């Protein structure tokens, strides 16, 4: 696995990371021993960037990774976690708290759950409109000064918010959804990252597995986040499935899987030599981890890229990516 530079930090990380959320929530039941084996496989494949959050499993995901680190060692893992998103209350509405007091407490709690002394990359999970960015980023910067955090990141914010934050303290990475079927970051956010020298970290780079061509039609079950997402429902799902069928055929002609082509397309965004694009496909299974890692060896021609971007043109995919509740929290 080749490596890319994280922002202007001088730190290099694996070109692909591992999203760990599915090991604790969102995509049906998970098995701890299976998750442990998958994390070890990631290291064996050269994938050392692990991505988590204090929200995932309400702390369970960080505790899981902490148990893995005790077995595998800290030095091989570049660890990213997040703060600020509060689990939904009785009204079903998730909350956000980016107050300086909460940031300090959240960081200390994450360090304890993870069993480590310093977090490599600490993200603001969502923007809190009640707290000025200067106050929140200032509190994050104090964590760097205290030696509890190495680098700072933001998640799902606008280009304007990114600029505000970067003016207070250097931001190493911005994480947001980006894939063949969600290309909105190309409008403003990705260009801002290029301009400021900030790495862009796409989450859900496989469209929550839809782009793999292996997602079955029908009911996902109450514990699967996709059951509430418009793109996975009804006519929208059927329309989008026809697009993915063409992606599967395209991949087969090139001796690859649809997932590998989708990841290779994202990695091709590094070809201009500007700030890095580092996808973090999530999985809890070794089979898919190995498949995803092999995407780093898939090379796309200019004609291939043009075909994919025409197939998945901005108006080609149907259905919103989020429910209205989640959409209100993203991209501010």
Protein backbone atom coordinates (compact mmCIF):
# COMPACT_ATOMS: atom_id res chain seq x y z
CA UNK A 1 0.00 0.00 0.00
CA UNK A 2 1.52 3.32 -1.02
CA UNK A 3 1.32 6.34 1.25
CA UNK A 4 0.08 9.92 0.93
CA UNK A 5 0.91 13.06 2.85
CA UNK A 6 -1.73 14.29 5.30
CA UNK A 7 -2.33 17.95 4.47
CA UNK A 8 0.80 20.00 4.99
CA UNK A 9 1.70 18.16 8.18
CA UNK A 10 4.57 16.16 6.71
CA UNK A 11 2.93 13.03 8.15
CA UNK A 12 2.24 10.23 5.67
CA UNK A 13 -0.60 7.72 5.96
CA UNK A 14 -1.79 4.76 3.92
CA UNK A 15 -3.55 5.75 0.69
CA UNK A 16 -6.65 3.92 1.93
CA UNK A 17 -7.93 3.94 5.48
CA UNK A 18 -10.32 1.70 7.38
CA UNK A 19 -13.70 3.04 8.48
CA UNK A 20 -14.63 1.23 11.69
CA UNK A 21 -18.20 2.36 12.35
CA UNK A 22 -19.76 -0.86 11.05
CA UNK A 23 -17.96 -2.82 13.75
CA UNK A 24 -20.26 -1.21 16.32
CA UNK A 25 -23.40 0.11 14.62
CA UNK A 26 -25.21 1.21 11.46
CA UNK A 27 -24.93 -1.90 9.25
CA UNK A 28 -26.43 -4.74 11.24
CA UNK A 29 -24.82 -6.95 13.89
CA UNK A 30 -21.06 -7.26 14.20
CA UNK A 31 -18.81 -9.85 15.81
CA UNK A 32 -15.88 -8.66 17.93
CA UNK A 33 -13.49 -11.46 17.03
CA UNK A 34 -14.27 -10.94 13.33
CA UNK A 35 -13.66 -7.21 13.71
CA UNK A 36 -10.36 -7.86 15.46
CA UNK A 37 -9.25 -10.13 12.62
CA UNK A 38 -10.28 -7.54 10.04
CA UNK A 39 -8.26 -4.80 11.76
CA UNK A 40 -5.23 -7.09 11.84
CA UNK A 41 -5.74 -7.88 8.16
CA UNK A 42 -5.80 -4.14 7.45
CA UNK A 43 -2.36 -3.77 9.01
CA UNK A 44 -1.11 -6.78 7.07
CA UNK A 45 -2.35 -5.11 3.86
CA UNK A 46 -0.53 -1.88 4.74
CA UNK A 47 -3.65 0.01 5.81
CA UNK A 48 -2.76 1.82 9.02
CA UNK A 49 -5.25 4.71 9.10
CA UNK A 50 -8.18 3.70 11.32
CA UNK A 51 -11.21 6.01 11.57
CA UNK A 52 -13.65 6.02 14.49
CA UNK A 53 -15.72 8.38 16.65
CA UNK A 54 -16.95 8.62 20.22
CA UNK A 55 -20.45 8.45 18.70
CA UNK A 56 -20.01 5.01 17.11
CA UNK A 57 -21.70 2.53 19.37
CA UNK A 58 -21.75 5.31 22.01
CA UNK A 59 -18.10 4.68 22.85
CA UNK A 60 -18.08 0.97 21.99
CA UNK A 61 -16.08 1.45 18.78
CA UNK A 62 -13.28 3.30 20.55
CA UNK A 63 -13.21 0.64 23.28
CA UNK A 64 -13.03 -2.08 20.61
CA UNK A 65 -10.11 -0.38 18.89
CA UNK A 66 -8.47 0.14 22.28
CA UNK A 67 -8.61 -3.62 22.90
CA UNK A 68 -7.12 -4.22 19.46
CA UNK A 69 -4.27 -1.79 20.11
CA UNK A 70 -3.35 -3.64 23.29
CA UNK A 71 -2.84 -6.78 21.18
CA UNK A 72 -1.41 -5.33 17.99
CA UNK A 73 0.55 -2.37 19.36
CA UNK A 74 0.07 1.35 18.94
CA UNK A 75 2.90 2.20 16.58
CA UNK A 76 1.41 0.76 13.38
CA UNK A 77 -1.94 2.56 13.64
CA UNK A 78 -2.57 6.19 12.72
CA UNK A 79 -5.73 6.80 14.70
CA UNK A 80 -8.45 9.29 13.81
CA UNK A 81 -11.46 9.86 16.03
CA UNK A 82 -14.16 12.49 16.37
CA UNK A 83 -16.12 14.46 18.94
CA UNK A 84 -19.22 16.63 19.04
CA UNK A 85 -22.09 14.46 17.83
CA UNK A 86 -24.48 13.53 20.63
CA UNK A 87 -26.71 10.42 20.34
CA UNK A 88 -30.36 11.08 19.53
CA UNK A 89 -32.64 11.69 22.48
CA UNK A 90 -36.23 10.70 23.08
CA UNK A 91 -37.36 13.05 20.32
CA UNK A 92 -35.21 11.22 17.80
CA UNK A 93 -33.12 14.32 17.12
CA UNK A 94 -29.33 13.97 17.35
CA UNK A 95 -27.45 16.77 19.06
CA UNK A 96 -24.16 18.58 18.67
CA UNK A 97 -21.91 20.04 21.36
CA UNK A 98 -18.71 21.78 20.33
CA UNK A 99 -18.32 23.91 23.43
CA UNK A 100 -14.73 24.16 24.71
CA UNK A 101 -15.76 22.39 27.92
CA UNK A 102 -17.25 19.46 26.03
CA UNK A 103 -14.25 19.20 23.70
CA UNK A 104 -11.86 18.84 26.63
CA UNK A 105 -14.02 16.20 28.32
CA UNK A 106 -14.66 14.33 25.08
CA UNK A 107 -10.95 14.15 24.27
CA UNK A 108 -10.06 12.82 27.72
CA UNK A 109 -12.85 10.22 27.49
CA UNK A 110 -11.71 9.08 24.04
CA UNK A 111 -8.11 8.76 25.19
CA UNK A 112 -9.27 6.60 28.09
CA UNK A 113 -11.48 4.35 25.95
CA UNK A 114 -8.74 3.95 23.35
CA UNK A 115 -6.08 3.36 25.98
CA UNK A 116 -3.63 5.77 24.35
CA UNK A 117 -1.82 8.96 25.27
CA UNK A 118 -2.32 10.94 22.07
CA UNK A 119 -4.87 10.99 19.23
CA UNK A 120 -3.24 11.32 15.82
CA UNK A 121 -6.11 13.13 14.07
CA UNK A 122 -9.01 14.67 16.00
CA UNK A 123 -12.09 15.67 14.01
CA UNK A 124 -15.00 17.93 14.84
CA UNK A 125 -17.77 15.52 13.81
CA UNK A 126 -20.38 18.16 12.98
CA UNK A 127 -20.50 21.93 13.33
CA UNK A 128 -22.34 23.33 16.35
CA UNK A 129 -24.12 26.52 15.22
CA UNK A 130 -24.40 27.68 18.83
CA UNK A 131 -20.62 27.95 19.25
CA UNK A 132 -18.38 30.24 17.15
CA UNK A 133 -15.83 28.27 15.14
CA UNK A 134 -13.00 30.28 16.65
CA UNK A 135 -13.96 29.06 20.12
CA UNK A 136 -14.25 25.41 19.11
CA UNK A 137 -11.07 25.31 17.02
CA UNK A 138 -9.27 27.28 19.70
CA UNK A 139 -10.17 24.56 22.20
CA UNK A 140 -8.98 21.90 19.75
CA UNK A 141 -5.71 23.78 19.30
CA UNK A 142 -5.17 23.73 23.06
CA UNK A 143 -5.37 19.95 22.93
CA UNK A 144 -2.50 20.01 20.44
CA UNK A 145 -0.53 22.29 22.73
CA UNK A 146 -1.20 19.92 25.63
CA UNK A 147 0.14 16.96 23.64
CA UNK A 148 -3.18 15.11 23.61
CA UNK A 149 -3.76 15.52 19.86
CA UNK A 150 -1.34 15.72 16.95
CA UNK A 151 -3.45 17.04 14.04
CA UNK A 152 -6.89 18.62 13.66
CA UNK A 153 -9.72 17.81 11.26
CA UNK A 154 -13.30 18.75 10.45
CA UNK A 155 -16.16 16.63 9.15
CA UNK A 156 -19.08 17.55 6.88
CA UNK A 157 -18.57 21.32 6.84
CA UNK A 158 -18.82 23.91 4.08
CA UNK A 159 -15.87 25.58 2.37
CA UNK A 160 -16.61 28.79 4.27
CA UNK A 161 -16.50 27.00 7.63
CA UNK A 162 -13.29 25.26 6.63
CA UNK A 163 -11.67 28.60 5.89
CA UNK A 164 -12.79 30.03 9.24
CA UNK A 165 -11.33 27.08 11.10
CA UNK A 166 -8.07 27.00 9.16
CA UNK A 167 -7.50 30.67 10.00
CA UNK A 168 -7.49 29.78 13.71
CA UNK A 169 -5.29 26.67 13.53
CA UNK A 170 -4.00 24.56 10.61
CA UNK A 171 -6.52 21.90 9.60
CA UNK A 172 -4.88 18.73 8.30
CA UNK A 173 -7.95 16.95 6.93
CA UNK A 174 -11.59 17.44 6.05
CA UNK A 175 -13.81 14.36 6.05
CA UNK A 176 -17.03 14.25 4.09
CA UNK A 177 -19.05 11.86 1.98
CA UNK A 178 -17.68 11.62 -1.55
CA UNK A 179 -18.05 8.90 -4.14
CA UNK A 180 -19.20 8.29 -7.68
CA UNK A 181 -22.79 8.67 -6.55
CA UNK A 182 -22.27 11.74 -4.34
CA UNK A 183 -20.04 14.34 -5.97
CA UNK A 184 -21.21 17.56 -4.32
CA UNK A 185 -17.80 18.22 -2.67
CA UNK A 186 -16.45 18.95 -6.15
CA UNK A 187 -18.34 22.27 -6.15
CA UNK A 188 -16.63 24.13 -3.32
CA UNK A 189 -15.20 21.94 -0.59
CA UNK A 190 -12.68 19.92 -2.58
CA UNK A 191 -11.33 23.04 -4.36
CA UNK A 192 -10.94 24.76 -0.98
CA UNK A 193 -8.96 21.78 0.30
CA UNK A 194 -6.73 21.97 -2.77
CA UNK A 195 -6.16 25.67 -2.24
CA UNK A 196 -5.39 25.40 1.47
CA UNK A 197 -3.35 22.20 1.32
CA UNK A 198 -5.84 20.17 3.36
CA UNK A 199 -6.35 16.46 2.76
CA UNK A 200 -9.83 15.36 1.77
CA UNK A 201 -10.98 12.11 3.40
CA UNK A 202 -14.05 10.58 1.68
CA UNK A 203 -16.27 8.50 3.92
CA UNK A 204 -18.83 6.10 2.41
CA UNK A 205 -16.64 5.98 -0.73
CA UNK A 206 -18.61 2.92 -1.87
CA UNK A 207 -22.00 4.56 -1.36
CA UNK A 208 -22.64 2.54 1.82
CA UNK A 209 -21.86 -0.59 -0.24
CA UNK A 210 -24.40 0.22 -2.98
CA UNK A 211 -21.58 0.80 -5.48
CA UNK A 212 -20.29 -2.72 -4.92
CA UNK A 213 -23.26 -4.17 -6.78
CA UNK A 214 -23.79 -6.69 -3.98
CA UNK A 215 -26.45 -4.92 -1.89
CA UNK A 216 -29.64 -6.98 -1.96
CA UNK A 217 -32.99 -5.39 -2.65
CA UNK A 218 -35.57 -5.29 0.10
CA UNK A 219 -35.67 -4.71 3.84
CA UNK A 220 -32.36 -3.88 5.54
CA UNK A 221 -33.72 -4.29 9.06
CA UNK A 222 -34.17 -1.74 11.81
CA UNK A 223 -30.49 -1.75 12.85
CA UNK A 224 -29.21 -0.87 9.38
CA UNK A 225 -28.92 2.88 8.68
CA UNK A 226 -29.67 2.32 5.01
CA UNK A 227 -33.29 1.48 5.83
CA UNK A 228 -33.88 5.21 6.41
CA UNK A 229 -31.91 6.57 3.44
CA UNK A 230 -33.91 7.70 0.38
CA UNK A 231 -31.39 6.39 -2.15
CA UNK A 232 -31.98 2.84 -0.97
CA UNK A 233 -35.78 2.94 -1.25
CA UNK A 234 -38.37 2.22 -3.93
CA UNK A 235 -38.01 3.65 -7.42
CA UNK A 236 -34.81 5.51 -6.52
CA UNK A 237 -33.12 2.27 -5.50
CA UNK A 238 -34.20 0.53 -8.69
CA UNK A 239 -32.97 3.41 -10.83
CA UNK A 240 -29.64 3.56 -9.02
CA UNK A 241 -29.23 -0.20 -9.27
CA UNK A 242 -29.32 0.06 -13.05
CA UNK A 243 -26.42 2.53 -12.92
CA UNK A 244 -24.44 0.19 -10.69
CA UNK A 245 -25.12 -2.72 -13.05
CA UNK A 246 -23.23 -0.74 -15.70
CA UNK A 247 -20.41 -0.11 -13.23
CA UNK A 248 -20.20 -3.84 -12.51
CA UNK A 249 -19.97 -4.60 -16.24
CA UNK A 250 -17.31 -1.92 -16.71
CA UNK A 251 -15.27 -3.38 -13.84
CA UNK A 252 -15.58 -6.94 -15.12
CA UNK A 253 -14.14 -5.92 -18.48
CA UNK A 254 -11.06 -4.66 -16.61
CA UNK A 255 -10.64 -7.66 -14.38
CA UNK A 256 -11.71 -5.76 -11.28
CA UNK A 257 -14.71 -5.46 -9.00
CA UNK A 258 -17.10 -2.53 -8.93
CA UNK A 259 -15.79 -1.60 -5.46
CA UNK A 260 -12.22 -1.50 -6.74
CA UNK A 261 -13.16 0.73 -9.65
CA UNK A 262 -15.07 3.11 -7.38
CA UNK A 263 -12.09 3.39 -5.02
CA UNK A 264 -9.61 3.68 -7.88
CA UNK A 265 -11.65 6.61 -9.23
CA UNK A 266 -11.25 8.41 -5.91
CA UNK A 267 -7.54 7.61 -5.72
CA UNK A 268 -7.14 9.01 -9.25
CA UNK A 269 -7.93 12.43 -7.76
CA UNK A 270 -4.37 12.38 -6.41
CA UNK A 271 -2.86 12.40 -9.88
CA UNK A 272 -2.65 16.20 -10.02
CA UNK A 273 -0.12 16.26 -7.18
CA UNK A 274 -2.20 18.62 -5.06
CA UNK A 275 -3.55 17.93 -1.56
CA UNK A 276 -4.30 14.26 -1.03
CA UNK A 277 -7.60 12.39 -1.28
CA UNK A 278 -7.62 9.47 1.18
CA UNK A 279 -10.75 7.26 1.07
CA UNK A 280 -11.74 5.31 4.19
CA UNK A 281 -13.97 2.42 3.06
CA UNK A 282 -15.54 0.70 6.03
CA UNK A 283 -15.88 -3.02 6.49
CA UNK A 284 -15.97 -5.61 9.24
CA UNK A 285 -15.06 -8.55 7.00
CA UNK A 286 -11.63 -9.69 5.82
CA UNK A 287 -12.94 -10.60 2.36
CA UNK A 288 -13.95 -7.04 1.58
CA UNK A 289 -10.90 -5.55 3.29
CA UNK A 290 -8.59 -7.46 0.95
CA UNK A 291 -10.73 -6.55 -2.05
CA UNK A 292 -10.66 -2.86 -1.12
CA UNK A 293 -6.90 -2.85 -0.52
CA UNK A 294 -6.29 -4.19 -4.03
CA UNK A 295 -7.95 -1.06 -5.45
CA UNK A 296 -4.68 0.77 -4.81
CA UNK A 297 -3.21 -1.22 -7.71
CA UNK A 298 -6.01 -0.45 -10.18
CA UNK A 299 -5.10 2.23 -12.70
CA UNK A 300 -7.74 4.08 -14.69
CA UNK A 301 -7.11 5.83 -17.99
CA UNK A 302 -8.40 9.30 -18.77
CA UNK A 303 -11.05 7.64 -20.93
CA UNK A 304 -12.08 5.36 -18.05
CA UNK A 305 -12.48 8.33 -15.73
CA UNK A 306 -14.49 10.25 -18.30
CA UNK A 307 -16.83 7.27 -18.76
CA UNK A 308 -17.38 6.87 -15.02
CA UNK A 309 -18.04 10.55 -14.51
CA UNK A 310 -20.55 10.54 -17.35
CA UNK A 311 -22.27 7.40 -16.07
CA UNK A 312 -22.52 8.91 -12.59
CA UNK A 313 -23.21 12.46 -13.67
CA UNK A 314 -24.47 14.72 -10.90
CA UNK A 315 -28.11 14.42 -12.02
CA UNK A 316 -27.95 10.69 -12.78
CA UNK A 317 -28.42 9.37 -9.23
CA UNK A 318 -31.88 9.53 -7.68
CA UNK A 319 -32.83 10.09 -4.05
CA UNK A 320 -31.36 12.24 -1.30
CA UNK A 321 -28.33 10.85 0.51
CA UNK A 322 -29.73 11.59 3.99
CA UNK A 323 -33.03 11.77 5.79
CA UNK A 324 -34.15 15.37 6.46
CA UNK A 325 -32.86 15.21 10.07
CA UNK A 326 -29.34 14.23 9.05
CA UNK A 327 -29.30 16.53 6.03
CA UNK A 328 -29.87 19.51 8.32
CA UNK A 329 -26.64 18.75 10.18
CA UNK A 330 -24.31 18.28 7.22
CA UNK A 331 -22.32 20.75 5.20
CA UNK A 332 -22.69 23.84 7.39
